[in-house]
Amino acid sequence: MDYVVHKERLETRLSALSAGMLAGQGLSALSPDVLSSRDLTDQPSGVTPKLGAILTALDRLQSGDYGYCRICGADISSDHLNAHPESPFCESCSA
């Protein structure tokens, strides 16, 4: 399966979160390398988990583990990945 669209969505979400986190600091976005080393403990509730899920999904894409459920090992449906590209679980296991 070709995950180019999912990768683009994840990168877009990462950029949007990065821009929101850095608003007012004169920076528009950080690269994933900088984000992974940045202290995110002072961010608004919900931002850090979302950011972590996106970065982890991008790591799974790079390693070839993307699209497979981390619990049961089944393929994650395209519909589920379209709705939740950062999800590490199939619809059955995420319910």
PDB file of N, CA and C in Angstrom:
ATOM      1  N   MET A   1       0.846  -1.187   0.000  1.00  0.00           N
ATOM      2  CA  MET A   1       0.000   0.000   0.000  1.00  0.00           C
ATOM      3  C   MET A   1       0.888   1.246   0.000  1.00  0.00           C
ATOM      4  N   ASP A   2       0.476   2.238  -0.748  1.00  0.00           N
ATOM      5  CA  ASP A   2       1.226   3.485  -0.843  1.00  0.00           C
ATOM      6  C   ASP A   2       0.735   4.460   0.227  1.00  0.00           C
ATOM      7  N   TYR A   3       1.638   4.875   1.093  1.00  0.00           N
ATOM      8  CA  TYR A   3       1.274   5.727   2.219  1.00  0.00           C
ATOM      9  C   TYR A   3       1.695   7.182   2.039  1.00  0.00           C
ATOM     10  N   VAL A   4       1.929   7.617   0.810  1.00  0.00           N
ATOM     11  CA  VAL A   4       2.373   8.982   0.544  1.00  0.00           C
ATOM     12  C   VAL A   4       1.355  10.003   1.070  1.00  0.00           C
ATOM     13  N   VAL A   5       0.083   9.760   0.829  1.00  0.00           N
ATOM     14  CA  VAL A   5      -0.958  10.689   1.272  1.00  0.00           C
ATOM     15  C   VAL A   5      -0.982  10.764   2.793  1.00  0.00           C
ATOM     16  N   HIS A   6      -0.851   9.620   3.453  1.00  0.00           N
ATOM     17  CA  HIS A   6      -0.858   9.598   4.914  1.00  0.00           C
ATOM     18  C   HIS A   6       0.356  10.338   5.466  1.00  0.00           C
ATOM     19  N   LYS A   7       1.503  10.158   4.829  1.00  0.00           N
ATOM     20  CA  LYS A   7       2.705  10.853   5.263  1.00  0.00           C
ATOM     21  C   LYS A   7       2.519  12.363   5.130  1.00  0.00           C
ATOM     22  N   GLU A   8       1.945  12.797   4.023  1.00  0.00           N
ATOM     23  CA  GLU A   8       1.707  14.225   3.820  1.00  0.00           C
ATOM     24  C   GLU A   8       0.745  14.779   4.869  1.00  0.00           C
ATOM     25  N   ARG A   9      -0.299  14.022   5.194  1.00  0.00           N
ATOM     26  CA  ARG A   9      -1.250  14.462   6.223  1.00  0.00           C
ATOM     27  C   ARG A   9      -0.563  14.582   7.579  1.00  0.00           C
ATOM     28  N   LEU A  10       0.251  13.581   7.912  1.00  0.00           N
ATOM     29  CA  LEU A  10       0.963  13.609   9.187  1.00  0.00           C
ATOM     30  C   LEU A  10       1.915  14.795   9.255  1.00  0.00           C
ATOM     31  N   GLU A  11       2.637  15.050   8.171  1.00  0.00           N
ATOM     32  CA  GLU A  11       3.568  16.174   8.143  1.00  0.00           C
ATOM     33  C   GLU A  11       2.825  17.507   8.226  1.00  0.00           C
ATOM     34  N   THR A  12       1.665  17.593   7.605  1.00  0.00           N
ATOM     35  CA  THR A  12       0.848  18.811   7.687  1.00  0.00           C
ATOM     36  C   THR A  12       0.380  19.035   9.115  1.00  0.00           C
ATOM     37  N   ARG A  13      -0.091  17.973   9.780  1.00  0.00           N
ATOM     38  CA  ARG A  13      -0.524  18.087  11.174  1.00  0.00           C
ATOM     39  C   ARG A  13       0.646  18.471  12.073  1.00  0.00           C
ATOM     40  N   LEU A  14       1.806  17.897  11.817  1.00  0.00           N
ATOM     41  CA  LEU A  14       3.000  18.219  12.592  1.00  0.00           C
ATOM     42  C   LEU A  14       3.348  19.693  12.430  1.00  0.00           C
ATOM     43  N   SER A  15       3.306  20.189  11.210  1.00  0.00           N
ATOM     44  CA  SER A  15       3.604  21.604  10.962  1.00  0.00           C
ATOM     45  C   SER A  15       2.596  22.510  11.657  1.00  0.00           C
ATOM     46  N   ALA A  16       1.332  22.143  11.600  1.00  0.00           N
ATOM     47  CA  ALA A  16       0.296  22.960  12.234  1.00  0.00           C
ATOM     48  C   ALA A  16       0.484  22.989  13.746  1.00  0.00           C
ATOM     49  N   LEU A  17       0.764  21.843  14.356  1.00  0.00           N
ATOM     50  CA  LEU A  17       1.005  21.814  15.800  1.00  0.00           C
ATOM     51  C   LEU A  17       2.252  22.606  16.161  1.00  0.00           C
ATOM     52  N   SER A  18       3.295  22.452  15.363  1.00  0.00           N
ATOM     53  CA  SER A  18       4.542  23.175  15.618  1.00  0.00           C
ATOM     54  C   SER A  18       4.317  24.676  15.558  1.00  0.00           C
ATOM     55  N   ALA A  19       3.595  25.122  14.547  1.00  0.00           N
ATOM     56  CA  ALA A  19       3.329  26.548  14.401  1.00  0.00           C
ATOM     57  C   ALA A  19       2.508  27.059  15.572  1.00  0.00           C
ATOM     58  N   GLY A  20       1.537  26.294  16.002  1.00  0.00           N
ATOM     59  CA  GLY A  20       0.705  26.698  17.128  1.00  0.00           C
ATOM     60  C   GLY A  20       1.492  26.750  18.426  1.00  0.00           C
ATOM     61  N   MET A  21       2.412  25.812  18.617  1.00  0.00           N
ATOM     62  CA  MET A  21       3.221  25.764  19.830  1.00  0.00           C
ATOM     63  C   MET A  21       4.174  26.944  19.905  1.00  0.00           C
ATOM     64  N   LEU A  22       4.610  27.423  18.755  1.00  0.00           N
ATOM     65  CA  LEU A  22       5.632  28.458  18.719  1.00  0.00           C
ATOM     66  C   LEU A  22       5.065  29.847  18.453  1.00  0.00           C
ATOM     67  N   ALA A  23       3.755  29.955  18.399  1.00  0.00           N
ATOM     68  CA  ALA A  23       3.137  31.259  18.141  1.00  0.00           C
ATOM     69  C   ALA A  23       3.618  32.274  19.172  1.00  0.00           C
ATOM     70  N   GLY A  24       3.984  33.432  18.694  1.00  0.00           N
ATOM     71  CA  GLY A  24       4.447  34.480  19.596  1.00  0.00           C
ATOM     72  C   GLY A  24       5.928  34.416  19.896  1.00  0.00           C
ATOM     73  N   GLN A  25       6.618  33.397  19.382  1.00  0.00           N
ATOM     74  CA  GLN A  25       8.049  33.284  19.625  1.00  0.00           C
ATOM     75  C   GLN A  25       8.865  33.679  18.397  1.00  0.00           C
ATOM     76  N   GLY A  26       8.199  34.103  17.333  1.00  0.00           N
ATOM     77  CA  GLY A  26       8.903  34.536  16.137  1.00  0.00           C
ATOM     78  C   GLY A  26       9.335  33.397  15.239  1.00  0.00           C
ATOM     79  N   LEU A  27       8.913  32.176  15.527  1.00  0.00           N
ATOM     80  CA  LEU A  27       9.254  31.024  14.695  1.00  0.00           C
ATOM     81  C   LEU A  27       7.975  30.439  14.137  1.00  0.00           C
ATOM     82  N   SER A  28       8.027  29.926  12.924  1.00  0.00           N
ATOM     83  CA  SER A  28       6.812  29.394  12.320  1.00  0.00           C
ATOM     84  C   SER A  28       6.688  27.887  12.453  1.00  0.00           C
ATOM     85  N   ALA A  29       7.794  27.173  12.543  1.00  0.00           N
ATOM     86  CA  ALA A  29       7.743  25.714  12.660  1.00  0.00           C
ATOM     87  C   ALA A  29       9.122  25.189  13.021  1.00  0.00           C
ATOM     88  N   LEU A  30       9.115  23.994  13.557  1.00  0.00           N
ATOM     89  CA  LEU A  30      10.374  23.305  13.860  1.00  0.00           C
ATOM     90  C   LEU A  30      10.455  22.037  13.038  1.00  0.00           C
ATOM     91  N   SER A  31      11.646  21.598  12.736  1.00  0.00           N
ATOM     92  CA  SER A  31      11.817  20.327  12.057  1.00  0.00           C
ATOM     93  C   SER A  31      11.559  19.203  13.056  1.00  0.00           C
ATOM     94  N   PRO A  32      11.218  17.992  12.592  1.00  0.00           N
ATOM     95  CA  PRO A  32      11.007  16.871  13.510  1.00  0.00           C
ATOM     96  C   PRO A  32      12.217  16.594  14.395  1.00  0.00           C
ATOM     97  N   ASP A  33      13.443  16.803  13.893  1.00  0.00           N
ATOM     98  CA  ASP A  33      14.634  16.574  14.704  1.00  0.00           C
ATOM     99  C   ASP A  33      14.674  17.514  15.901  1.00  0.00           C
ATOM    100  N   VAL A  34      14.340  18.762  15.675  1.00  0.00           N
ATOM    101  CA  VAL A  34      14.333  19.739  16.759  1.00  0.00           C
ATOM    102  C   VAL A  34      13.194  19.429  17.723  1.00  0.00           C
ATOM    103  N   LEU A  35      12.031  19.069  17.171  1.00  0.00           N
ATOM    104  CA  LEU A  35      10.889  18.764  18.029  1.00  0.00           C
ATOM    105  C   LEU A  35      11.174  17.600  18.956  1.00  0.00           C
ATOM    106  N   SER A  36      11.866  16.581  18.468  1.00  0.00           N
ATOM    107  CA  SER A  36      12.112  15.414  19.304  1.00  0.00           C
ATOM    108  C   SER A  36      13.035  15.735  20.468  1.00  0.00           C
ATOM    109  N   SER A  37      13.848  16.778  20.353  1.00  0.00           N
ATOM    110  CA  SER A  37      14.756  17.135  21.439  1.00  0.00           C
ATOM    111  C   SER A  37      14.220  18.288  22.290  1.00  0.00           C
ATOM    112  N   ARG A  38      13.075  18.853  21.924  1.00  0.00           N
ATOM    113  CA  ARG A  38      12.508  20.006  22.621  1.00  0.00           C
ATOM    114  C   ARG A  38      11.731  19.544  23.853  1.00  0.00           C
ATOM    115  N   ASP A  39      11.822  20.293  24.928  1.00  0.00           N
ATOM    116  CA  ASP A  39      11.056  20.015  26.137  1.00  0.00           C
ATOM    117  C   ASP A  39       9.620  20.457  25.907  1.00  0.00           C
ATOM    118  N   LEU A  40       8.694  19.502  25.886  1.00  0.00           N
ATOM    119  CA  LEU A  40       7.304  19.800  25.577  1.00  0.00           C
ATOM    120  C   LEU A  40       6.410  19.756  26.808  1.00  0.00           C
ATOM    121  N   THR A  41       6.992  19.721  27.993  1.00  0.00           N
ATOM    122  CA  THR A  41       6.204  19.558  29.213  1.00  0.00           C
ATOM    123  C   THR A  41       5.348  20.771  29.535  1.00  0.00           C
ATOM    124  N   ASP A  42       5.676  21.948  28.995  1.00  0.00           N
ATOM    125  CA  ASP A  42       4.915  23.148  29.318  1.00  0.00           C
ATOM    126  C   ASP A  42       3.858  23.484  28.262  1.00  0.00           C
ATOM    127  N   GLN A  43       3.545  22.549  27.391  1.00  0.00           N
ATOM    128  CA  GLN A  43       2.578  22.810  26.330  1.00  0.00           C
ATOM    129  C   GLN A  43       1.153  22.616  26.836  1.00  0.00           C
ATOM    130  N   PRO A  44       0.172  23.238  26.170  1.00  0.00           N
ATOM    131  CA  PRO A  44      -1.221  23.078  26.562  1.00  0.00           C
ATOM    132  C   PRO A  44      -1.644  21.609  26.544  1.00  0.00           C
ATOM    133  N   SER A  45      -2.600  21.290  27.378  1.00  0.00           N
ATOM    134  CA  SER A  45      -3.105  19.922  27.473  1.00  0.00           C
ATOM    135  C   SER A  45      -3.530  19.415  26.102  1.00  0.00           C
ATOM    136  N   GLY A  46      -3.116  18.209  25.756  1.00  0.00           N
ATOM    137  CA  GLY A  46      -3.500  17.593  24.493  1.00  0.00           C
ATOM    138  C   GLY A  46      -2.511  17.793  23.376  1.00  0.00           C
ATOM    139  N   VAL A  47      -1.681  18.821  23.429  1.00  0.00           N
ATOM    140  CA  VAL A  47      -0.741  19.082  22.346  1.00  0.00           C
ATOM    141  C   VAL A  47       0.360  18.031  22.336  1.00  0.00           C
ATOM    142  N   THR A  48       0.952  17.750  23.493  1.00  0.00           N
ATOM    143  CA  THR A  48       2.062  16.806  23.558  1.00  0.00           C
ATOM    144  C   THR A  48       1.658  15.409  23.120  1.00  0.00           C
ATOM    145  N   PRO A  49       0.529  14.853  23.587  1.00  0.00           N
ATOM    146  CA  PRO A  49       0.143  13.527  23.101  1.00  0.00           C
ATOM    147  C   PRO A  49      -0.094  13.490  21.593  1.00  0.00           C
ATOM    148  N   LYS A  50      -0.719  14.533  21.047  1.00  0.00           N
ATOM    149  CA  LYS A  50      -0.940  14.585  19.598  1.00  0.00           C
ATOM    150  C   LYS A  50       0.392  14.618  18.859  1.00  0.00           C
ATOM    151  N   LEU A  51       1.292  15.446  19.330  1.00  0.00           N
ATOM    152  CA  LEU A  51       2.602  15.566  18.704  1.00  0.00           C
ATOM    153  C   LEU A  51       3.343  14.238  18.766  1.00  0.00           C
ATOM    154  N   GLY A  52       3.306  13.597  19.916  1.00  0.00           N
ATOM    155  CA  GLY A  52       3.963  12.299  20.075  1.00  0.00           C
ATOM    156  C   GLY A  52       3.385  11.251  19.142  1.00  0.00           C
ATOM    157  N   ALA A  53       2.057  11.230  18.995  1.00  0.00           N
ATOM    158  CA  ALA A  53       1.408  10.259  18.116  1.00  0.00           C
ATOM    159  C   ALA A  53       1.815  10.481  16.663  1.00  0.00           C
ATOM    160  N   ILE A  54       1.916  11.735  16.261  1.00  0.00           N
ATOM    161  CA  ILE A  54       2.308  12.054  14.890  1.00  0.00           C
ATOM    162  C   ILE A  54       3.762  11.659  14.639  1.00  0.00           C
ATOM    163  N   LEU A  55       4.645  12.012  15.557  1.00  0.00           N
ATOM    164  CA  LEU A  55       6.058  11.659  15.391  1.00  0.00           C
ATOM    165  C   LEU A  55       6.254  10.148  15.378  1.00  0.00           C
ATOM    166  N   THR A  56       5.512   9.438  16.219  1.00  0.00           N
ATOM    167  CA  THR A  56       5.607   7.976  16.254  1.00  0.00           C
ATOM    168  C   THR A  56       5.096   7.373  14.951  1.00  0.00           C
ATOM    169  N   ALA A  57       4.005   7.921  14.416  1.00  0.00           N
ATOM    170  CA  ALA A  57       3.477   7.432  13.143  1.00  0.00           C
ATOM    171  C   ALA A  57       4.485   7.656  12.016  1.00  0.00           C
ATOM    172  N   LEU A  58       5.144   8.810  12.011  1.00  0.00           N
ATOM    173  CA  LEU A  58       6.173   9.065  10.991  1.00  0.00           C
ATOM    174  C   LEU A  58       7.339   8.095  11.138  1.00  0.00           C
ATOM    175  N   ASP A  59       7.697   7.753  12.372  1.00  0.00           N
ATOM    176  CA  ASP A  59       8.740   6.747  12.609  1.00  0.00           C
ATOM    177  C   ASP A  59       8.309   5.382  12.069  1.00  0.00           C
ATOM    178  N   ARG A  60       7.028   5.015  12.292  1.00  0.00           N
ATOM    179  CA  ARG A  60       6.517   3.735  11.785  1.00  0.00           C
ATOM    180  C   ARG A  60       6.530   3.724  10.259  1.00  0.00           C
ATOM    181  N   LEU A  61       6.221   4.859   9.642  1.00  0.00           N
ATOM    182  CA  LEU A  61       6.291   4.950   8.175  1.00  0.00           C
ATOM    183  C   LEU A  61       7.708   4.681   7.687  1.00  0.00           C
ATOM    184  N   GLN A  62       8.667   5.293   8.339  1.00  0.00           N
ATOM    185  CA  GLN A  62      10.058   5.150   7.938  1.00  0.00           C
ATOM    186  C   GLN A  62      10.565   3.713   8.132  1.00  0.00           C
ATOM    187  N   SER A  63      10.118   3.057   9.202  1.00  0.00           N
ATOM    188  CA  SER A  63      10.604   1.710   9.498  1.00  0.00           C
ATOM    189  C   SER A  63       9.833   0.617   8.768  1.00  0.00           C
ATOM    190  N   GLY A  64       8.708   0.981   8.135  1.00  0.00           N
ATOM    191  CA  GLY A  64       7.909  -0.004   7.414  1.00  0.00           C
ATOM    192  C   GLY A  64       6.846  -0.675   8.263  1.00  0.00           C
ATOM    193  N   ASP A  65       6.624  -0.187   9.481  1.00  0.00           N
ATOM    194  CA  ASP A  65       5.621  -0.763  10.375  1.00  0.00           C
ATOM    195  C   ASP A  65       4.278  -0.046  10.303  1.00  0.00           C
ATOM    196  N   TYR A  66       4.187   1.001   9.519  1.00  0.00           N
ATOM    197  CA  TYR A  66       2.959   1.790   9.424  1.00  0.00           C
ATOM    198  C   TYR A  66       1.873   0.979   8.718  1.00  0.00           C
ATOM    199  N   GLY A  67       0.631   1.108   9.208  1.00  0.00           N
ATOM    200  CA  GLY A  67      -0.489   0.439   8.558  1.00  0.00           C
ATOM    201  C   GLY A  67      -0.813  -0.914   9.146  1.00  0.00           C
ATOM    202  N   TYR A  68      -0.056  -1.334  10.154  1.00  0.00           N
ATOM    203  CA  TYR A  68      -0.296  -2.605  10.831  1.00  0.00           C
ATOM    204  C   TYR A  68      -0.624  -2.322  12.296  1.00  0.00           C
ATOM    205  N   CYS A  69      -1.669  -2.973  12.779  1.00  0.00           N
ATOM    206  CA  CYS A  69      -2.111  -2.773  14.153  1.00  0.00           C
ATOM    207  C   CYS A  69      -1.038  -3.233  15.134  1.00  0.00           C
ATOM    208  N   ARG A  70      -0.736  -2.399  16.116  1.00  0.00           N
ATOM    209  CA  ARG A  70       0.287  -2.698  17.117  1.00  0.00           C
ATOM    210  C   ARG A  70      -0.193  -3.733  18.132  1.00  0.00           C
ATOM    211  N   ILE A  71      -1.497  -4.022  18.141  1.00  0.00           N
ATOM    212  CA  ILE A  71      -2.034  -5.017  19.077  1.00  0.00           C
ATOM    213  C   ILE A  71      -2.198  -6.375  18.403  1.00  0.00           C
ATOM    214  N   CYS A  72      -2.993  -6.425  17.339  1.00  0.00           N
ATOM    215  CA  CYS A  72      -3.313  -7.717  16.715  1.00  0.00           C
ATOM    216  C   CYS A  72      -2.478  -8.018  15.473  1.00  0.00           C
ATOM    217  N   GLY A  73      -1.806  -7.002  14.916  1.00  0.00           N
ATOM    218  CA  GLY A  73      -0.961  -7.204  13.741  1.00  0.00           C
ATOM    219  C   GLY A  73      -1.690  -7.139  12.412  1.00  0.00           C
ATOM    220  N   ALA A  74      -3.009  -6.972  12.447  1.00  0.00           N
ATOM    221  CA  ALA A  74      -3.785  -6.898  11.210  1.00  0.00           C
ATOM    222  C   ALA A  74      -3.519  -5.591  10.471  1.00  0.00           C
ATOM    223  N   ASP A  75      -3.828  -5.595   9.177  1.00  0.00           N
ATOM    224  CA  ASP A  75      -3.740  -4.362   8.398  1.00  0.00           C
ATOM    225  C   ASP A  75      -4.778  -3.374   8.918  1.00  0.00           C
ATOM    226  N   ILE A  76      -4.385  -2.109   9.015  1.00  0.00           N
ATOM    227  CA  ILE A  76      -5.325  -1.054   9.380  1.00  0.00           C
ATOM    228  C   ILE A  76      -5.980  -0.595   8.087  1.00  0.00           C
ATOM    229  N   SER A  77      -7.294  -0.525   8.085  1.00  0.00           N
ATOM    230  CA  SER A  77      -8.013  -0.176   6.858  1.00  0.00           C
ATOM    231  C   SER A  77      -7.642   1.228   6.376  1.00  0.00           C
ATOM    232  N   SER A  78      -7.715   1.406   5.077  1.00  0.00           N
ATOM    233  CA  SER A  78      -7.442   2.719   4.485  1.00  0.00           C
ATOM    234  C   SER A  78      -8.408   3.771   5.013  1.00  0.00           C
ATOM    235  N   ASP A  79      -9.672   3.386   5.193  1.00  0.00           N
ATOM    236  CA  ASP A  79     -10.658   4.330   5.712  1.00  0.00           C
ATOM    237  C   ASP A  79     -10.270   4.815   7.111  1.00  0.00           C
ATOM    238  N   HIS A  80      -9.816   3.891   7.952  1.00  0.00           N
ATOM    239  CA  HIS A  80      -9.417   4.264   9.310  1.00  0.00           C
ATOM    240  C   HIS A  80      -8.175   5.155   9.276  1.00  0.00           C
ATOM    241  N   LEU A  81      -7.205   4.813   8.432  1.00  0.00           N
ATOM    242  CA  LEU A  81      -5.995   5.634   8.317  1.00  0.00           C
ATOM    243  C   LEU A  81      -6.296   6.998   7.697  1.00  0.00           C
ATOM    244  N   ASN A  82      -7.263   7.058   6.794  1.00  0.00           N
ATOM    245  CA  ASN A  82      -7.651   8.355   6.225  1.00  0.00           C
ATOM    246  C   ASN A  82      -8.218   9.262   7.305  1.00  0.00           C
ATOM    247  N   ALA A  83      -9.003   8.684   8.208  1.00  0.00           N
ATOM    248  CA  ALA A  83      -9.605   9.465   9.283  1.00  0.00           C
ATOM    249  C   ALA A  83      -8.628   9.743  10.415  1.00  0.00           C
ATOM    250  N   HIS A  84      -7.732   8.792  10.685  1.00  0.00           N
ATOM    251  CA  HIS A  84      -6.799   8.885  11.808  1.00  0.00           C
ATOM    252  C   HIS A  84      -5.409   8.414  11.378  1.00  0.00           C
ATOM    253  N   PRO A  85      -4.689   9.205  10.586  1.00  0.00           N
ATOM    254  CA  PRO A  85      -3.415   8.733  10.043  1.00  0.00           C
ATOM    255  C   PRO A  85      -2.356   8.420  11.100  1.00  0.00           C
ATOM    256  N   GLU A  86      -2.514   8.952  12.317  1.00  0.00           N
ATOM    257  CA  GLU A  86      -1.531   8.688  13.366  1.00  0.00           C
ATOM    258  C   GLU A  86      -1.853   7.436  14.174  1.00  0.00           C
ATOM    259  N   SER A  87      -3.000   6.803  13.916  1.00  0.00           N
ATOM    260  CA  SER A  87      -3.443   5.666  14.709  1.00  0.00           C
ATOM    261  C   SER A  87      -2.537   4.444  14.533  1.00  0.00           C
ATOM    262  N   PRO A  88      -2.082   3.853  15.659  1.00  0.00           N
ATOM    263  CA  PRO A  88      -1.290   2.630  15.586  1.00  0.00           C
ATOM    264  C   PRO A  88      -2.159   1.378  15.698  1.00  0.00           C
ATOM    265  N   PHE A  89      -3.500   1.542  15.745  1.00  0.00           N
ATOM    266  CA  PHE A  89      -4.393   0.422  15.968  1.00  0.00           C
ATOM    267  C   PHE A  89      -5.466   0.332  14.892  1.00  0.00           C
ATOM    268  N   CYS A  90      -5.923  -0.891  14.626  1.00  0.00           N
ATOM    269  CA  CYS A  90      -7.048  -1.100  13.715  1.00  0.00           C
ATOM    270  C   CYS A  90      -8.327  -0.653  14.419  1.00  0.00           C
ATOM    271  N   GLU A  91      -9.413  -0.591  13.666  1.00  0.00           N
ATOM    272  CA  GLU A  91     -10.677  -0.139  14.241  1.00  0.00           C
ATOM    273  C   GLU A  91     -11.130  -1.039  15.394  1.00  0.00           C
ATOM    274  N   SER A  92     -10.958  -2.334  15.264  1.00  0.00           N
ATOM    275  CA  SER A  92     -11.388  -3.270  16.309  1.00  0.00           C
ATOM    276  C   SER A  92     -10.628  -3.052  17.596  1.00  0.00           C
ATOM    277  N   CYS A  93      -9.321  -2.893  17.505  1.00  0.00           N
ATOM    278  CA  CYS A  93      -8.494  -2.749  18.704  1.00  0.00           C
ATOM    279  C   CYS A  93      -8.559  -1.344  19.310  1.00  0.00           C
ATOM    280  N   SER A  94      -8.926  -0.350  18.523  1.00  0.00           N
ATOM    281  CA  SER A  94      -8.999   1.006  19.055  1.00  0.00           C
ATOM    282  C   SER A  94     -10.348   1.313  19.689  1.00  0.00           C
ATOM    283  N   ALA A  95     -11.299   0.409  19.511  1.00  0.00           N
ATOM    284  CA  ALA A  95     -12.634   0.628  20.095  1.00  0.00           C
ATOM    285  C   ALA A  95     -12.675   0.332  21.568  1.00  0.00           C
TER     286      ALA A  95
END
